[in-house]
């Protein structure tokens, strides 16, 4: 389990890394200092799933390795799986109707009350179509300060980079569909934690390494 404050720091670093630059000023005084936006709660949740699940992240790296034969991807997966990262850095998420989900309101409230992000609902009255998360300039400064003062948090910066490379600009629904391709993910009962796949992925890594050496 993580604390609300730990979740807030992780989400700030995720939003800082994932926020797309604004192509034009937003006509909203509260967003005058916005420097980027993450569009949609679904996208934020699915990116956070890979960030919180090193075992699933490593398996996606192996999927990309088998698709591209890029040895660097095999190396990156190995760095995760040869360490205790899948055990000590894993924070399970629950399986809900639309895939991995964890209530983020408390952690996001910390960021909003500190003036680091602004959330905006899109849609009509009584029917919210999506939530957008705007990173403010102060939020970007705080993210940089956290990394400078507590280098251990650079772990999240590095993993956010990996997660975004895998996401490759896909929206939340596309990421959800991709994650549903994992049998363990798809078969988890709703409302229960998604179980680790670390043992299976380590076996897969060993097989791929053996095939590479035998070639």
C-alpha atoms as a PDB file:
ATOM      1  CA  UNK A   1       0.000   0.000   0.000  1.00  0.00           C
ATOM      2  CA  UNK A   2       1.060   3.563  -0.609  1.00  0.00           C
ATOM      3  CA  UNK A   3       0.170   6.711   1.278  1.00  0.00           C
ATOM      4  CA  UNK A   4      -1.797   9.577  -0.207  1.00  0.00           C
ATOM      5  CA  UNK A   5       1.393  11.658  -0.257  1.00  0.00           C
ATOM      6  CA  UNK A   6       3.366   8.928  -2.066  1.00  0.00           C
ATOM      7  CA  UNK A   7       0.594   8.611  -4.627  1.00  0.00           C
ATOM      8  CA  UNK A   8       0.588  12.390  -5.067  1.00  0.00           C
ATOM      9  CA  UNK A   9       4.334  12.497  -5.810  1.00  0.00           C
ATOM     10  CA  UNK A  10       4.109   9.586  -8.253  1.00  0.00           C
ATOM     11  CA  UNK A  11       1.167  11.160 -10.067  1.00  0.00           C
ATOM     12  CA  UNK A  12       2.873  14.563 -10.212  1.00  0.00           C
ATOM     13  CA  UNK A  13       5.940  13.011 -11.837  1.00  0.00           C
ATOM     14  CA  UNK A  14       3.715  11.021 -14.198  1.00  0.00           C
ATOM     15  CA  UNK A  15       1.682  14.066 -15.208  1.00  0.00           C
ATOM     16  CA  UNK A  16       4.865  16.123 -15.579  1.00  0.00           C
ATOM     17  CA  UNK A  17       6.300  13.531 -17.961  1.00  0.00           C
ATOM     18  CA  UNK A  18       3.089  12.706 -19.827  1.00  0.00           C
ATOM     19  CA  UNK A  19       1.599  16.184 -20.209  1.00  0.00           C
ATOM     20  CA  UNK A  20       1.298  17.307 -23.831  1.00  0.00           C
ATOM     21  CA  UNK A  21       2.286  20.937 -24.490  1.00  0.00           C
ATOM     22  CA  UNK A  22      -0.629  23.297 -25.024  1.00  0.00           C
ATOM     23  CA  UNK A  23      -0.916  24.279 -28.663  1.00  0.00           C
ATOM     24  CA  UNK A  24      -2.769  27.486 -27.818  1.00  0.00           C
ATOM     25  CA  UNK A  25      -3.674  29.491 -24.674  1.00  0.00           C
ATOM     26  CA  UNK A  26      -6.729  28.189 -22.815  1.00  0.00           C
ATOM     27  CA  UNK A  27      -9.377  30.872 -22.196  1.00  0.00           C
ATOM     28  CA  UNK A  28      -9.606  30.081 -18.501  1.00  0.00           C
ATOM     29  CA  UNK A  29      -7.960  32.348 -15.879  1.00  0.00           C
ATOM     30  CA  UNK A  30      -7.210  29.334 -13.665  1.00  0.00           C
ATOM     31  CA  UNK A  31      -5.163  27.849 -16.511  1.00  0.00           C
ATOM     32  CA  UNK A  32      -3.120  30.951 -17.305  1.00  0.00           C
ATOM     33  CA  UNK A  33       0.021  29.213 -16.002  1.00  0.00           C
ATOM     34  CA  UNK A  34      -0.739  25.785 -17.479  1.00  0.00           C
ATOM     35  CA  UNK A  35       2.240  24.259 -19.303  1.00  0.00           C
ATOM     36  CA  UNK A  36       0.703  20.981 -20.450  1.00  0.00           C
ATOM     37  CA  UNK A  37      -2.260  18.617 -20.195  1.00  0.00           C
ATOM     38  CA  UNK A  38      -2.970  14.902 -19.802  1.00  0.00           C
ATOM     39  CA  UNK A  39      -6.210  14.265 -21.656  1.00  0.00           C
ATOM     40  CA  UNK A  40      -8.590  11.834 -20.008  1.00  0.00           C
ATOM     41  CA  UNK A  41      -8.670   9.937 -16.740  1.00  0.00           C
ATOM     42  CA  UNK A  42      -8.574   6.634 -18.630  1.00  0.00           C
ATOM     43  CA  UNK A  43      -5.199   7.490 -20.151  1.00  0.00           C
ATOM     44  CA  UNK A  44      -3.846   8.598 -16.772  1.00  0.00           C
ATOM     45  CA  UNK A  45      -5.057   5.381 -15.107  1.00  0.00           C
ATOM     46  CA  UNK A  46      -3.604   3.107 -17.788  1.00  0.00           C
ATOM     47  CA  UNK A  47      -0.227   4.847 -17.745  1.00  0.00           C
ATOM     48  CA  UNK A  48      -0.238   4.616 -13.953  1.00  0.00           C
ATOM     49  CA  UNK A  49      -0.942   0.868 -14.170  1.00  0.00           C
ATOM     50  CA  UNK A  50       2.299   0.247 -16.064  1.00  0.00           C
ATOM     51  CA  UNK A  51       4.142   2.586 -13.704  1.00  0.00           C
ATOM     52  CA  UNK A  52       2.866   0.653 -10.682  1.00  0.00           C
ATOM     53  CA  UNK A  53       3.305  -2.799 -12.256  1.00  0.00           C
ATOM     54  CA  UNK A  54       6.942  -3.456 -13.269  1.00  0.00           C
ATOM     55  CA  UNK A  55       6.077  -7.072 -14.134  1.00  0.00           C
ATOM     56  CA  UNK A  56       3.466  -6.037 -16.719  1.00  0.00           C
ATOM     57  CA  UNK A  57       5.769  -3.274 -17.948  1.00  0.00           C
ATOM     58  CA  UNK A  58       8.578  -5.795 -18.499  1.00  0.00           C
ATOM     59  CA  UNK A  59       6.225  -8.147 -20.344  1.00  0.00           C
ATOM     60  CA  UNK A  60       5.239  -5.325 -22.692  1.00  0.00           C
ATOM     61  CA  UNK A  61       8.923  -4.653 -23.321  1.00  0.00           C
ATOM     62  CA  UNK A  62       9.322  -8.318 -24.267  1.00  0.00           C
ATOM     63  CA  UNK A  63       6.323  -8.037 -26.589  1.00  0.00           C
ATOM     64  CA  UNK A  64       8.024  -5.135 -28.328  1.00  0.00           C
ATOM     65  CA  UNK A  65      11.320  -7.041 -28.427  1.00  0.00           C
ATOM     66  CA  UNK A  66       9.678  -9.977 -30.191  1.00  0.00           C
ATOM     67  CA  UNK A  67       7.980  -7.604 -32.618  1.00  0.00           C
ATOM     68  CA  UNK A  68      11.084  -5.522 -33.461  1.00  0.00           C
ATOM     69  CA  UNK A  69      14.108  -7.701 -32.495  1.00  0.00           C
ATOM     70  CA  UNK A  70      15.521  -4.601 -30.764  1.00  0.00           C
ATOM     71  CA  UNK A  71      18.030  -6.019 -28.278  1.00  0.00           C
ATOM     72  CA  UNK A  72      17.852  -2.882 -26.132  1.00  0.00           C
ATOM     73  CA  UNK A  73      14.275  -3.785 -25.200  1.00  0.00           C
ATOM     74  CA  UNK A  74      15.398  -7.219 -24.027  1.00  0.00           C
ATOM     75  CA  UNK A  75      18.084  -5.516 -21.950  1.00  0.00           C
ATOM     76  CA  UNK A  76      15.596  -3.112 -20.389  1.00  0.00           C
ATOM     77  CA  UNK A  77      13.237  -5.946 -19.476  1.00  0.00           C
ATOM     78  CA  UNK A  78      16.171  -7.832 -17.996  1.00  0.00           C
ATOM     79  CA  UNK A  79      17.126  -4.933 -15.768  1.00  0.00           C
ATOM     80  CA  UNK A  80      13.645  -4.983 -14.273  1.00  0.00           C
ATOM     81  CA  UNK A  81      13.253  -8.753 -13.953  1.00  0.00           C
ATOM     82  CA  UNK A  82      16.787  -9.525 -12.744  1.00  0.00           C
ATOM     83  CA  UNK A  83      16.180  -7.220  -9.788  1.00  0.00           C
ATOM     84  CA  UNK A  84      13.581  -7.183  -7.015  1.00  0.00           C
ATOM     85  CA  UNK A  85      11.729  -4.347  -8.725  1.00  0.00           C
ATOM     86  CA  UNK A  86       8.612  -6.427  -9.556  1.00  0.00           C
ATOM     87  CA  UNK A  87       8.286  -7.212  -5.859  1.00  0.00           C
ATOM     88  CA  UNK A  88       9.359  -4.013  -4.088  1.00  0.00           C
ATOM     89  CA  UNK A  89       8.047  -1.456  -6.610  1.00  0.00           C
ATOM     90  CA  UNK A  90       4.723  -3.105  -7.402  1.00  0.00           C
ATOM     91  CA  UNK A  91       1.551  -1.457  -6.133  1.00  0.00           C
ATOM     92  CA  UNK A  92      -1.429  -3.537  -7.338  1.00  0.00           C
ATOM     93  CA  UNK A  93      -4.453  -1.916  -8.930  1.00  0.00           C
ATOM     94  CA  UNK A  94      -8.007  -3.207  -8.895  1.00  0.00           C
ATOM     95  CA  UNK A  95      -9.752  -4.641 -11.927  1.00  0.00           C
ATOM     96  CA  UNK A  96     -12.928  -2.737 -12.718  1.00  0.00           C
ATOM     97  CA  UNK A  97     -15.372  -2.681 -15.619  1.00  0.00           C
ATOM     98  CA  UNK A  98     -12.975  -0.685 -17.787  1.00  0.00           C
ATOM     99  CA  UNK A  99      -9.776  -2.370 -16.659  1.00  0.00           C
ATOM    100  CA  UNK A 100      -7.177  -1.375 -14.081  1.00  0.00           C
ATOM    101  CA  UNK A 101      -8.501   1.365 -11.857  1.00  0.00           C
ATOM    102  CA  UNK A 102      -7.652   2.959  -8.537  1.00  0.00           C
ATOM    103  CA  UNK A 103      -9.396   5.990  -7.009  1.00  0.00           C
ATOM    104  CA  UNK A 104      -7.016   8.913  -7.488  1.00  0.00           C
ATOM    105  CA  UNK A 105      -9.143  11.681  -5.997  1.00  0.00           C
ATOM    106  CA  UNK A 106      -7.288  11.914  -2.673  1.00  0.00           C
ATOM    107  CA  UNK A 107      -3.840  12.101  -4.260  1.00  0.00           C
ATOM    108  CA  UNK A 108      -4.991  14.509  -6.957  1.00  0.00           C
ATOM    109  CA  UNK A 109      -6.629  16.673  -4.275  1.00  0.00           C
ATOM    110  CA  UNK A 110      -3.192  17.095  -2.692  1.00  0.00           C
ATOM    111  CA  UNK A 111      -1.806  18.367  -6.002  1.00  0.00           C
ATOM    112  CA  UNK A 112      -4.787  20.595  -6.697  1.00  0.00           C
ATOM    113  CA  UNK A 113      -4.857  22.168  -3.247  1.00  0.00           C
ATOM    114  CA  UNK A 114      -1.133  22.940  -3.564  1.00  0.00           C
ATOM    115  CA  UNK A 115      -1.711  24.729  -6.861  1.00  0.00           C
ATOM    116  CA  UNK A 116       0.269  22.192  -8.911  1.00  0.00           C
ATOM    117  CA  UNK A 117      -2.451  20.923 -11.250  1.00  0.00           C
ATOM    118  CA  UNK A 118      -5.968  21.864 -12.317  1.00  0.00           C
ATOM    119  CA  UNK A 119      -8.617  19.308 -13.277  1.00  0.00           C
ATOM    120  CA  UNK A 120     -11.283  20.205 -15.791  1.00  0.00           C
ATOM    121  CA  UNK A 121     -14.399  18.172 -16.598  1.00  0.00           C
ATOM    122  CA  UNK A 122     -15.440  17.983 -20.231  1.00  0.00           C
ATOM    123  CA  UNK A 123     -18.996  17.303 -21.349  1.00  0.00           C
ATOM    124  CA  UNK A 124     -22.346  18.699 -20.402  1.00  0.00           C
ATOM    125  CA  UNK A 125     -24.124  19.267 -17.110  1.00  0.00           C
ATOM    126  CA  UNK A 126     -24.889  15.939 -15.504  1.00  0.00           C
ATOM    127  CA  UNK A 127     -22.772  13.997 -17.984  1.00  0.00           C
ATOM    128  CA  UNK A 128     -18.992  14.214 -17.655  1.00  0.00           C
ATOM    129  CA  UNK A 129     -17.367  12.878 -20.814  1.00  0.00           C
ATOM    130  CA  UNK A 130     -13.795  13.027 -19.545  1.00  0.00           C
ATOM    131  CA  UNK A 131     -11.408  14.653 -17.082  1.00  0.00           C
ATOM    132  CA  UNK A 132      -8.374  16.599 -18.268  1.00  0.00           C
ATOM    133  CA  UNK A 133      -5.410  17.283 -15.985  1.00  0.00           C
ATOM    134  CA  UNK A 134      -3.497  20.511 -16.549  1.00  0.00           C
ATOM    135  CA  UNK A 135       0.022  20.817 -15.174  1.00  0.00           C
ATOM    136  CA  UNK A 136       0.783  24.312 -13.919  1.00  0.00           C
ATOM    137  CA  UNK A 137       4.182  25.976 -14.013  1.00  0.00           C
ATOM    138  CA  UNK A 138       4.405  25.649 -10.231  1.00  0.00           C
ATOM    139  CA  UNK A 139       3.756  21.922 -10.578  1.00  0.00           C
ATOM    140  CA  UNK A 140       6.612  21.562 -13.043  1.00  0.00           C
ATOM    141  CA  UNK A 141       8.954  23.471 -10.705  1.00  0.00           C
ATOM    142  CA  UNK A 142       7.952  21.302  -7.745  1.00  0.00           C
ATOM    143  CA  UNK A 143       8.511  18.133  -9.786  1.00  0.00           C
ATOM    144  CA  UNK A 144      12.027  19.303 -10.668  1.00  0.00           C
ATOM    145  CA  UNK A 145      12.705  20.229  -7.032  1.00  0.00           C
ATOM    146  CA  UNK A 146      11.578  16.812  -5.797  1.00  0.00           C
ATOM    147  CA  UNK A 147      13.951  15.064  -8.193  1.00  0.00           C
ATOM    148  CA  UNK A 148      16.848  17.345  -7.252  1.00  0.00           C
ATOM    149  CA  UNK A 149      16.352  16.995  -3.501  1.00  0.00           C
ATOM    150  CA  UNK A 150      15.356  13.327  -3.419  1.00  0.00           C
ATOM    151  CA  UNK A 151      17.232  11.499  -6.213  1.00  0.00           C
ATOM    152  CA  UNK A 152      15.432   8.249  -5.338  1.00  0.00           C
ATOM    153  CA  UNK A 153      12.376   9.643  -7.111  1.00  0.00           C
ATOM    154  CA  UNK A 154      14.318   9.648 -10.386  1.00  0.00           C
ATOM    155  CA  UNK A 155      13.227   6.018 -10.562  1.00  0.00           C
ATOM    156  CA  UNK A 156       9.757   7.260 -11.484  1.00  0.00           C
ATOM    157  CA  UNK A 157      11.132   9.693 -14.050  1.00  0.00           C
ATOM    158  CA  UNK A 158      12.994   6.850 -15.777  1.00  0.00           C
ATOM    159  CA  UNK A 159       9.978   4.538 -15.635  1.00  0.00           C
ATOM    160  CA  UNK A 160       7.622   7.248 -16.911  1.00  0.00           C
ATOM    161  CA  UNK A 161       9.907   7.564 -19.945  1.00  0.00           C
ATOM    162  CA  UNK A 162       9.641   3.806 -20.570  1.00  0.00           C
ATOM    163  CA  UNK A 163       5.880   3.822 -20.081  1.00  0.00           C
ATOM    164  CA  UNK A 164       5.407   6.703 -22.518  1.00  0.00           C
ATOM    165  CA  UNK A 165       7.618   5.015 -25.105  1.00  0.00           C
ATOM    166  CA  UNK A 166       5.405   1.924 -24.878  1.00  0.00           C
ATOM    167  CA  UNK A 167       2.219   3.988 -24.991  1.00  0.00           C
ATOM    168  CA  UNK A 168       3.507   5.667 -28.164  1.00  0.00           C
ATOM    169  CA  UNK A 169       0.858   8.368 -28.099  1.00  0.00           C
ATOM    170  CA  UNK A 170      -2.071   5.967 -27.713  1.00  0.00           C
ATOM    171  CA  UNK A 171      -5.195   7.211 -25.986  1.00  0.00           C
ATOM    172  CA  UNK A 172      -6.722   5.713 -22.886  1.00  0.00           C
ATOM    173  CA  UNK A 173      -9.077   3.316 -24.688  1.00  0.00           C
ATOM    174  CA  UNK A 174      -6.275   1.970 -26.884  1.00  0.00           C
ATOM    175  CA  UNK A 175      -4.081   1.395 -23.823  1.00  0.00           C
ATOM    176  CA  UNK A 176      -6.945  -0.326 -22.029  1.00  0.00           C
ATOM    177  CA  UNK A 177      -7.474  -2.677 -24.991  1.00  0.00           C
ATOM    178  CA  UNK A 178      -3.761  -3.453 -25.127  1.00  0.00           C
ATOM    179  CA  UNK A 179      -3.658  -4.260 -21.416  1.00  0.00           C
ATOM    180  CA  UNK A 180      -6.686  -6.534 -21.795  1.00  0.00           C
ATOM    181  CA  UNK A 181      -4.571  -8.756 -24.055  1.00  0.00           C
ATOM    182  CA  UNK A 182      -2.901 -10.004 -20.854  1.00  0.00           C
ATOM    183  CA  UNK A 183      -4.886 -13.080 -19.801  1.00  0.00           C
ATOM    184  CA  UNK A 184      -4.242 -12.542 -16.090  1.00  0.00           C
ATOM    185  CA  UNK A 185      -5.407  -8.941 -16.365  1.00  0.00           C
ATOM    186  CA  UNK A 186      -8.552  -9.787 -18.331  1.00  0.00           C
ATOM    187  CA  UNK A 187      -9.555 -12.751 -16.155  1.00  0.00           C
ATOM    188  CA  UNK A 188      -9.245 -10.956 -12.799  1.00  0.00           C
ATOM    189  CA  UNK A 189     -12.614 -10.650 -11.078  1.00  0.00           C
ATOM    190  CA  UNK A 190     -13.956  -7.128 -10.913  1.00  0.00           C
ATOM    191  CA  UNK A 191     -13.169  -5.348  -7.673  1.00  0.00           C
ATOM    192  CA  UNK A 192     -10.143  -7.521  -6.879  1.00  0.00           C
ATOM    193  CA  UNK A 193      -6.418  -6.741  -7.271  1.00  0.00           C
ATOM    194  CA  UNK A 194      -4.707  -7.710 -10.507  1.00  0.00           C
ATOM    195  CA  UNK A 195      -2.206 -10.430  -9.570  1.00  0.00           C
ATOM    196  CA  UNK A 196       1.499 -10.339 -10.367  1.00  0.00           C
ATOM    197  CA  UNK A 197       2.837 -12.067 -13.473  1.00  0.00           C
ATOM    198  CA  UNK A 198       6.492 -11.755 -12.442  1.00  0.00           C
ATOM    199  CA  UNK A 199       7.225 -15.502 -12.392  1.00  0.00           C
ATOM    200  CA  UNK A 200       5.774 -16.060 -15.856  1.00  0.00           C
ATOM    201  CA  UNK A 201       7.593 -13.067 -17.311  1.00  0.00           C
ATOM    202  CA  UNK A 202      10.925 -14.151 -15.795  1.00  0.00           C
ATOM    203  CA  UNK A 203      10.438 -17.568 -17.415  1.00  0.00           C
ATOM    204  CA  UNK A 204       9.709 -15.845 -20.697  1.00  0.00           C
ATOM    205  CA  UNK A 205      12.834 -13.698 -20.383  1.00  0.00           C
ATOM    206  CA  UNK A 206      14.952 -16.804 -19.747  1.00  0.00           C
ATOM    207  CA  UNK A 207      13.495 -18.503 -22.850  1.00  0.00           C
ATOM    208  CA  UNK A 208      14.125 -15.479 -25.062  1.00  0.00           C
ATOM    209  CA  UNK A 209      17.704 -15.168 -23.806  1.00  0.00           C
ATOM    210  CA  UNK A 210      18.311 -18.861 -24.490  1.00  0.00           C
ATOM    211  CA  UNK A 211      16.926 -18.504 -28.002  1.00  0.00           C
ATOM    212  CA  UNK A 212      19.130 -15.494 -28.621  1.00  0.00           C
ATOM    213  CA  UNK A 213      22.271 -17.301 -27.447  1.00  0.00           C
ATOM    214  CA  UNK A 214      21.404 -20.374 -29.499  1.00  0.00           C
ATOM    215  CA  UNK A 215      20.956 -18.401 -32.694  1.00  0.00           C
END
